[in-house]
Amino acid sequence: MTRGVDRAGSDYASRAAATLNEALGRRIRSLRLERSLTLEEVAARSACSVGSLSQIERGIGNPSFNTLVKISHALNISVGRLLETTSTVHPVVRRGERKRLEGIHPAGVDIATLYEVLTPSLEGALEVLYLEVPPGTSTEPTPFVHEGEEVGIILEGVHEVHLDGEVHTLHEGDTITYKSTIPHWYRNPGPGVVRAIWIITPPTW
């Protein structure tokens, strides 16, 4: 019985992900056509191949966070607007329906940082993300500085938050709050994956 339930849940999540990718593809194509841009022009602006852009517009594959950032810049919009694939926002976000993105791959690690958006919309006052950060991941080369305030909650693992040169080592159950205007970056020293929730206001996407 348990295997049947697990399989049904997995199938549901796969169908939900496919539906989200198809909606995202339609959204990108619609925004591109609104601007009278060809696939070739967006490819040149985003440094993505025409073939990969065509696949994304057809809902094939799962574009990474970095790819979506490049496409949004090419279309001169925010990533948040790019991800708004429906005009009707439901207050509940089911686990299998979260907008899912991937970030950087640490050196020598096959998996990337996972970002899942827990809010139904990015047009409100809060951005709430679920993160899975592989060991060895570090954002030191590109520290963050932006308006607003952040709260991080560590669900599992050990995570370093570097604030303006000072390091804060967080363990399971720890939280941290800081002004986003302070230069900040993150590192997972290992050995396990860090799972955390990050709340940012206002949204950065």
Foldseek 3Di string as FASTA:
>chain_A
DVVVVVVVVVVVLVVLLLVLQQLLLCLLVVLCVVVPHDLVQLCVQLVHDSVVNVCSNRSHDQAAPSSLCSSCVSSVHDSQVSSCSDPDFDQAADPSNWNKHFDDDAPPHPGTKIWTFGGRGLPDFKTKIKIKHAARDKPVVPWFADFWKKKKAWQAAWKWKAWQNDIDIDHHGDMDIDGRRTTIMMHHNDDGIIIMMMMTGNDPD
